[in-house]
Amino acid sequence: MITHPFFKKFKEKAFVSLSLVSLFLLIFTGCNPTSGKTKNDNNVDGFDADVENPDCDPFGDDDGDFIYNIDEGCFENRDTDGDGIPDYLDTDSDGDCISDRIEAGDQILATPPVDTDGDGTPDYLDSDSDGDGIPDNEEDRNCDGAVGECDVPCSLQTPCSDGSYCNLRRGVCVNHECLNGETDPYSSDTDGDGVPDNQEGTFVCNPQTEDNPNGRKPVQFYSHPLVNMQIGVEREAMVREAGPSSPNTHEAAVSIELLEPDHEVAGFLVSRQPATMSIEEEVQAVIQEM
């Protein structure tokens, strides 16, 4: 029984009465790229997403990403990221900066492509391929398809000898040093430590967005003019020197204020030589002096 989406498409168009032979003739005549324009003569800017594409070569690969045109929706000119380029001509269909060729999986012409999180959307159309709440382009920051600079190969038969974790999806040993702040967009726990990527420090270091409210806020940096003191605070904060400063003793203090009505937060930062042996006593002494 014929179950390929190509044939299903034609069944929906009331071509049920055609014989199997007729269907194959239709494929190789009506959809042959030589009838009309060639595979490389597609007018990308002028395509109409609401009109079927009669020049679709279903088992071709016009964008060279190892995914059949038919699986990239060439008949209906599907454009997943809405950039004006249909998926079958777009080397990055979901617009996550990682190429479809990388996200397709094995580098052979075999579709449908990999769907890491099993949500029904293949990785090359899914901007969060492993479903961990972190966009792919915030995990693979330079979009090169590698995990940081981790390049030591490993497998079940050849585990990592240095105590790092073997990321089997990538086949490399990973540790915090070689990751360089990246995580694997195709693994929800890149380093295999039992803590999901969306709870790791690298996630907190990503920019704050609606999907990542715990991410890094935009900050301003304040450097004291006399003492080696630098702090990062919210952009709306006002930082002022508080009291005398002494570069010889490294003593200084600054106050921090958020003046907006819904951000009524105040604090201060003190640098000084300790006068007591107890942190608690030191804090009390600072408060009294301030």
Protein backbone atom coordinates (compact mmCIF):
# COMPACT_ATOMS: atom_id res chain seq x y z
CA MET A 1 0.00 0.00 0.00
CA ILE A 2 1.31 3.46 -0.91
CA THR A 3 1.64 5.66 2.20
CA HIS A 4 4.17 8.31 1.17
CA PRO A 5 2.85 11.88 1.70
CA PHE A 6 3.33 12.57 -2.01
CA PHE A 7 0.65 10.05 -2.93
CA LYS A 8 -1.56 11.14 -0.06
CA LYS A 9 -1.41 14.65 -1.47
CA PHE A 10 -2.72 13.50 -4.82
CA LYS A 11 -5.40 11.36 -3.22
CA GLU A 12 -6.69 14.48 -1.48
CA LYS A 13 -6.95 16.12 -4.90
CA ALA A 14 -9.34 13.45 -6.14
CA PHE A 15 -6.83 11.53 -8.20
CA VAL A 16 -7.89 8.26 -6.56
CA SER A 17 -9.04 6.86 -9.87
CA LEU A 18 -5.57 7.05 -11.39
CA SER A 19 -3.74 3.77 -11.57
CA LEU A 20 -0.36 3.19 -9.95
CA VAL A 21 1.27 3.43 -13.38
CA SER A 22 -0.50 6.72 -14.08
CA LEU A 23 0.72 8.12 -10.79
CA PHE A 24 4.31 7.35 -11.63
CA LEU A 25 3.84 8.88 -15.07
CA LEU A 26 2.47 11.99 -13.39
CA ILE A 27 5.49 12.19 -11.12
CA PHE A 28 7.99 11.97 -13.92
CA THR A 29 6.15 14.21 -16.39
CA GLY A 30 4.03 16.79 -14.57
CA CYS A 31 6.53 17.24 -11.73
CA ASN A 32 9.70 16.84 -13.72
CA PRO A 33 11.84 19.99 -13.30
CA THR A 34 12.57 19.97 -17.04
CA SER A 35 8.91 20.73 -17.79
CA GLY A 36 8.74 24.46 -17.11
CA LYS A 37 11.75 25.69 -15.12
CA THR A 38 14.74 23.83 -13.78
CA LYS A 39 15.51 23.00 -10.16
CA ASN A 40 17.84 25.98 -9.91
CA ASP A 41 15.49 28.39 -11.66
CA ASN A 42 13.00 28.86 -8.81
CA ASN A 43 11.74 32.40 -8.34
CA VAL A 44 12.07 32.53 -4.55
CA ASP A 45 11.05 36.16 -4.12
CA GLY A 46 7.97 35.72 -6.26
CA PHE A 47 6.55 32.49 -4.86
CA ASP A 48 2.98 32.45 -3.61
CA ALA A 49 2.48 30.38 -0.45
CA ASP A 50 -1.23 30.00 -1.23
CA VAL A 51 -0.66 28.42 -4.65
CA GLU A 52 0.66 24.92 -5.17
CA ASN A 53 4.06 24.63 -6.79
CA PRO A 54 3.68 22.63 -10.02
CA ASP A 55 7.45 22.54 -10.55
CA CYS A 56 8.22 20.63 -7.37
CA ASP A 57 10.70 17.81 -7.88
CA PRO A 58 9.51 15.67 -4.94
CA PHE A 59 12.58 13.48 -4.58
CA GLY A 60 15.10 16.19 -5.38
CA ASP A 61 17.08 18.19 -2.82
CA ASP A 62 17.20 21.74 -4.17
CA ASP A 63 18.88 23.31 -1.12
CA GLY A 64 21.39 20.48 -0.60
CA ASP A 65 20.43 19.79 3.02
CA PHE A 66 19.94 16.01 2.62
CA ILE A 67 16.15 16.34 3.01
CA TYR A 68 13.82 15.51 0.14
CA ASN A 69 11.91 18.46 -1.33
CA ILE A 70 8.64 16.68 -0.65
CA ASP A 71 9.45 16.41 3.06
CA GLU A 72 10.19 20.13 3.05
CA GLY A 73 6.72 20.91 1.72
CA CYS A 74 7.71 21.99 -1.77
CA PHE A 75 4.25 21.36 -3.23
CA GLU A 76 2.65 23.96 -0.96
CA ASN A 77 5.74 26.21 -0.78
CA ARG A 78 5.91 25.82 3.00
CA ASP A 79 7.91 28.61 4.67
CA THR A 80 8.36 27.74 8.35
CA ASP A 81 10.32 30.79 9.50
CA GLY A 82 8.40 33.25 7.33
CA ASP A 83 11.52 34.71 5.73
CA GLY A 84 10.14 34.61 2.20
CA ILE A 85 12.17 31.54 1.22
CA PRO A 86 10.26 28.22 1.04
CA ASP A 87 11.73 25.45 3.16
CA TYR A 88 12.83 23.35 0.20
CA LEU A 89 15.10 26.22 -0.90
CA ASP A 90 16.02 27.42 2.61
CA THR A 91 19.18 26.03 4.22
CA ASP A 92 17.86 27.08 7.66
CA SER A 93 14.13 26.45 7.59
CA ASP A 94 13.39 27.31 11.23
CA GLY A 95 15.67 30.35 11.33
CA ASP A 96 17.61 29.21 14.40
CA CYS A 97 21.00 29.82 12.69
CA ILE A 98 21.83 26.08 12.67
CA SER A 99 21.69 24.70 9.14
CA ASP A 100 19.09 22.11 8.13
CA ARG A 101 21.93 19.89 6.96
CA ILE A 102 23.24 19.67 10.54
CA GLU A 103 19.80 19.26 12.09
CA ALA A 104 18.66 16.59 9.61
CA GLY A 105 20.75 13.97 11.40
CA ASP A 106 22.87 11.46 9.48
CA GLN A 107 24.47 13.03 6.42
CA ILE A 108 22.64 10.86 3.91
CA LEU A 109 19.55 11.49 1.83
CA ALA A 110 17.13 9.69 4.12
CA THR A 111 13.98 11.36 5.39
CA PRO A 112 12.02 12.09 7.49
CA PRO A 113 14.79 13.80 9.50
CA VAL A 114 15.55 13.41 13.21
CA ASP A 115 13.01 14.59 15.81
CA THR A 116 15.04 14.68 19.04
CA ASP A 117 12.28 15.53 21.51
CA GLY A 118 9.61 13.45 19.75
CA ASP A 119 7.12 16.30 19.59
CA GLY A 120 6.21 15.61 15.97
CA THR A 121 8.32 18.50 14.63
CA PRO A 122 11.70 17.48 13.18
CA ASP A 123 14.76 19.31 14.49
CA TYR A 124 15.25 21.35 11.32
CA LEU A 125 11.79 22.90 11.87
CA ASP A 126 12.02 23.07 15.67
CA SER A 127 13.76 26.06 17.28
CA ASP A 128 14.02 24.05 20.54
CA SER A 129 14.99 20.62 19.27
CA ASP A 130 15.42 18.90 22.64
CA GLY A 131 12.40 20.60 24.28
CA ASP A 132 14.38 21.85 27.29
CA GLY A 133 13.08 25.41 27.10
CA ILE A 134 16.33 26.83 25.71
CA PRO A 135 16.31 27.91 22.05
CA ASP A 136 18.80 26.03 19.88
CA ASN A 137 20.70 29.22 19.01
CA GLU A 138 21.27 29.93 22.71
CA GLU A 139 22.70 26.44 23.21
CA ASP A 140 24.87 26.28 20.10
CA ARG A 141 25.92 29.94 20.30
CA ASN A 142 28.13 30.00 17.21
CA CYS A 143 25.77 27.75 15.23
CA ASP A 144 28.53 25.40 14.07
CA GLY A 145 26.84 22.14 15.05
CA ALA A 146 29.52 21.32 17.64
CA VAL A 147 29.34 21.38 21.44
CA GLY A 148 31.74 24.13 22.44
CA GLU A 149 35.26 22.98 21.62
CA CYS A 150 34.79 19.42 22.89
CA ASP A 151 36.52 17.15 20.38
CA VAL A 152 37.70 14.07 22.31
CA PRO A 153 35.79 11.12 20.77
CA CYS A 154 34.02 8.60 22.98
CA SER A 155 31.40 5.86 22.82
CA LEU A 156 29.94 3.11 24.97
CA GLN A 157 32.97 1.02 24.09
CA THR A 158 35.50 3.84 24.57
CA PRO A 159 34.45 5.96 27.57
CA CYS A 160 36.12 9.21 28.56
CA SER A 161 39.36 8.61 30.44
CA ASP A 162 39.64 12.02 32.10
CA GLY A 163 36.45 11.77 34.15
CA SER A 164 34.39 13.96 31.81
CA TYR A 165 30.99 12.83 30.60
CA CYS A 166 30.51 11.09 27.27
CA ASN A 167 27.77 12.84 25.32
CA LEU A 168 26.66 9.89 23.20
CA ARG A 169 24.44 12.01 20.92
CA ARG A 170 27.56 13.87 19.82
CA GLY A 171 30.11 11.14 20.53
CA VAL A 172 32.45 13.49 22.42
CA CYS A 173 33.65 13.89 26.01
CA VAL A 174 32.23 17.04 27.57
CA ASN A 175 33.24 19.10 30.59
CA HIS A 176 32.67 22.69 31.63
CA GLU A 177 36.01 23.81 30.21
CA CYS A 178 35.53 22.52 26.68
CA LEU A 179 31.84 23.52 26.55
CA ASN A 180 32.76 27.23 26.65
CA GLY A 181 29.30 28.14 27.90
CA GLU A 182 27.47 26.11 25.25
CA THR A 183 25.08 23.23 25.75
CA ASP A 184 23.83 20.62 23.30
CA PRO A 185 20.58 21.58 21.52
CA TYR A 186 19.94 17.87 21.03
CA SER A 187 20.35 16.82 24.68
CA SER A 188 18.40 18.19 27.64
CA ASP A 189 21.30 17.28 29.97
CA THR A 190 24.50 17.93 28.02
CA ASP A 191 26.99 16.99 30.72
CA GLY A 192 24.96 14.08 32.12
CA ASP A 193 25.14 15.34 35.71
CA GLY A 194 21.42 14.87 36.36
CA VAL A 195 20.76 18.62 36.28
CA PRO A 196 18.81 19.65 33.15
CA ASP A 197 20.42 22.25 30.91
CA ASN A 198 17.66 24.74 31.73
CA GLN A 199 18.78 24.71 35.35
CA GLU A 200 22.51 24.98 34.68
CA GLY A 201 24.50 28.19 35.05
CA THR A 202 24.89 28.53 31.29
CA PHE A 203 21.11 28.95 31.05
CA VAL A 204 21.17 31.80 33.57
CA CYS A 205 23.86 33.48 31.48
CA ASN A 206 21.57 33.60 28.45
CA PRO A 207 19.71 36.88 27.81
CA GLN A 208 16.44 37.35 29.65
CA THR A 209 13.42 36.72 27.43
CA GLU A 210 9.76 35.85 27.89
CA ASP A 211 10.72 32.18 27.58
CA ASN A 212 13.67 32.62 29.94
CA PRO A 213 12.61 35.04 32.70
CA ASN A 214 15.52 33.87 34.87
CA GLY A 215 18.13 34.85 32.31
CA ARG A 216 20.66 37.64 32.40
CA LYS A 217 19.23 41.15 32.73
CA PRO A 218 20.77 44.11 30.90
CA VAL A 219 23.23 45.71 33.34
CA GLN A 220 25.44 48.74 33.76
CA PHE A 221 28.92 48.52 35.26
CA TYR A 222 30.19 50.96 37.86
CA SER A 223 33.91 51.36 38.63
CA HIS A 224 35.01 53.34 41.69
CA PRO A 225 37.42 56.16 40.74
CA LEU A 226 39.86 55.46 43.61
CA VAL A 227 39.42 51.93 44.89
CA ASN A 228 39.52 48.66 42.99
CA MET A 229 35.77 48.17 43.08
CA GLN A 230 33.56 47.28 40.13
CA ILE A 231 29.93 46.20 40.29
CA GLY A 232 27.21 45.33 37.82
CA VAL A 233 23.74 46.68 38.58
CA GLU A 234 20.46 47.17 36.74
CA ARG A 235 20.45 49.93 34.17
CA GLU A 236 17.84 51.89 36.11
CA ALA A 237 19.96 51.95 39.27
CA MET A 238 21.75 55.05 40.54
CA VAL A 239 25.18 54.40 42.09
CA ARG A 240 26.75 57.08 44.29
CA GLU A 241 29.85 57.33 46.46
CA ALA A 242 28.95 57.19 50.14
CA GLY A 243 31.46 58.65 52.56
CA PRO A 244 35.21 59.27 52.22
CA SER A 245 37.46 56.98 50.24
CA SER A 246 41.06 56.05 50.91
CA PRO A 247 43.08 54.39 48.12
CA ASN A 248 45.86 53.53 50.57
CA THR A 249 43.63 51.44 52.80
CA HIS A 250 41.26 50.36 50.00
CA GLU A 251 38.32 51.78 51.93
CA ALA A 252 35.28 52.98 50.02
CA ALA A 253 31.54 52.73 50.00
CA VAL A 254 28.84 53.25 47.40
CA SER A 255 25.07 53.38 47.69
CA ILE A 256 22.74 51.78 45.15
CA GLU A 257 19.22 53.05 44.54
CA LEU A 258 16.43 52.06 42.19
CA LEU A 259 14.23 55.12 41.93
CA GLU A 260 11.33 53.67 39.95
CA PRO A 261 8.16 53.25 42.08
CA ASP A 262 7.91 49.52 41.37
CA HIS A 263 11.62 48.97 42.02
CA GLU A 264 12.08 50.51 45.45
CA VAL A 265 15.31 48.74 46.31
CA ALA A 266 18.31 50.26 48.04
CA GLY A 267 21.64 48.92 49.20
CA PHE A 268 25.30 49.70 49.63
CA LEU A 269 28.64 48.13 48.96
CA VAL A 270 31.60 48.58 51.29
CA SER A 271 35.28 47.81 50.79
CA ARG A 272 37.54 48.09 53.88
CA GLN A 273 40.14 46.36 55.94
CA PRO A 274 38.48 43.98 58.44
CA ALA A 275 38.46 45.21 62.01
CA THR A 276 37.06 42.09 63.67
CA MET A 277 37.41 38.33 63.38
CA SER A 278 33.69 37.69 62.87
CA ILE A 279 31.72 38.41 59.72
CA GLU A 280 28.63 39.15 61.79
CA GLU A 281 30.53 41.65 63.94
CA GLU A 282 32.07 43.21 60.85
CA VAL A 283 28.65 43.73 59.26
CA GLN A 284 27.31 45.35 62.43
CA ALA A 285 30.35 47.63 62.64
CA VAL A 286 29.91 48.70 59.00
CA ILE A 287 26.21 49.42 59.52
CA GLN A 288 26.94 51.58 62.56
CA GLU A 289 29.61 53.53 60.73
CA MET A 290 27.39 54.05 57.68
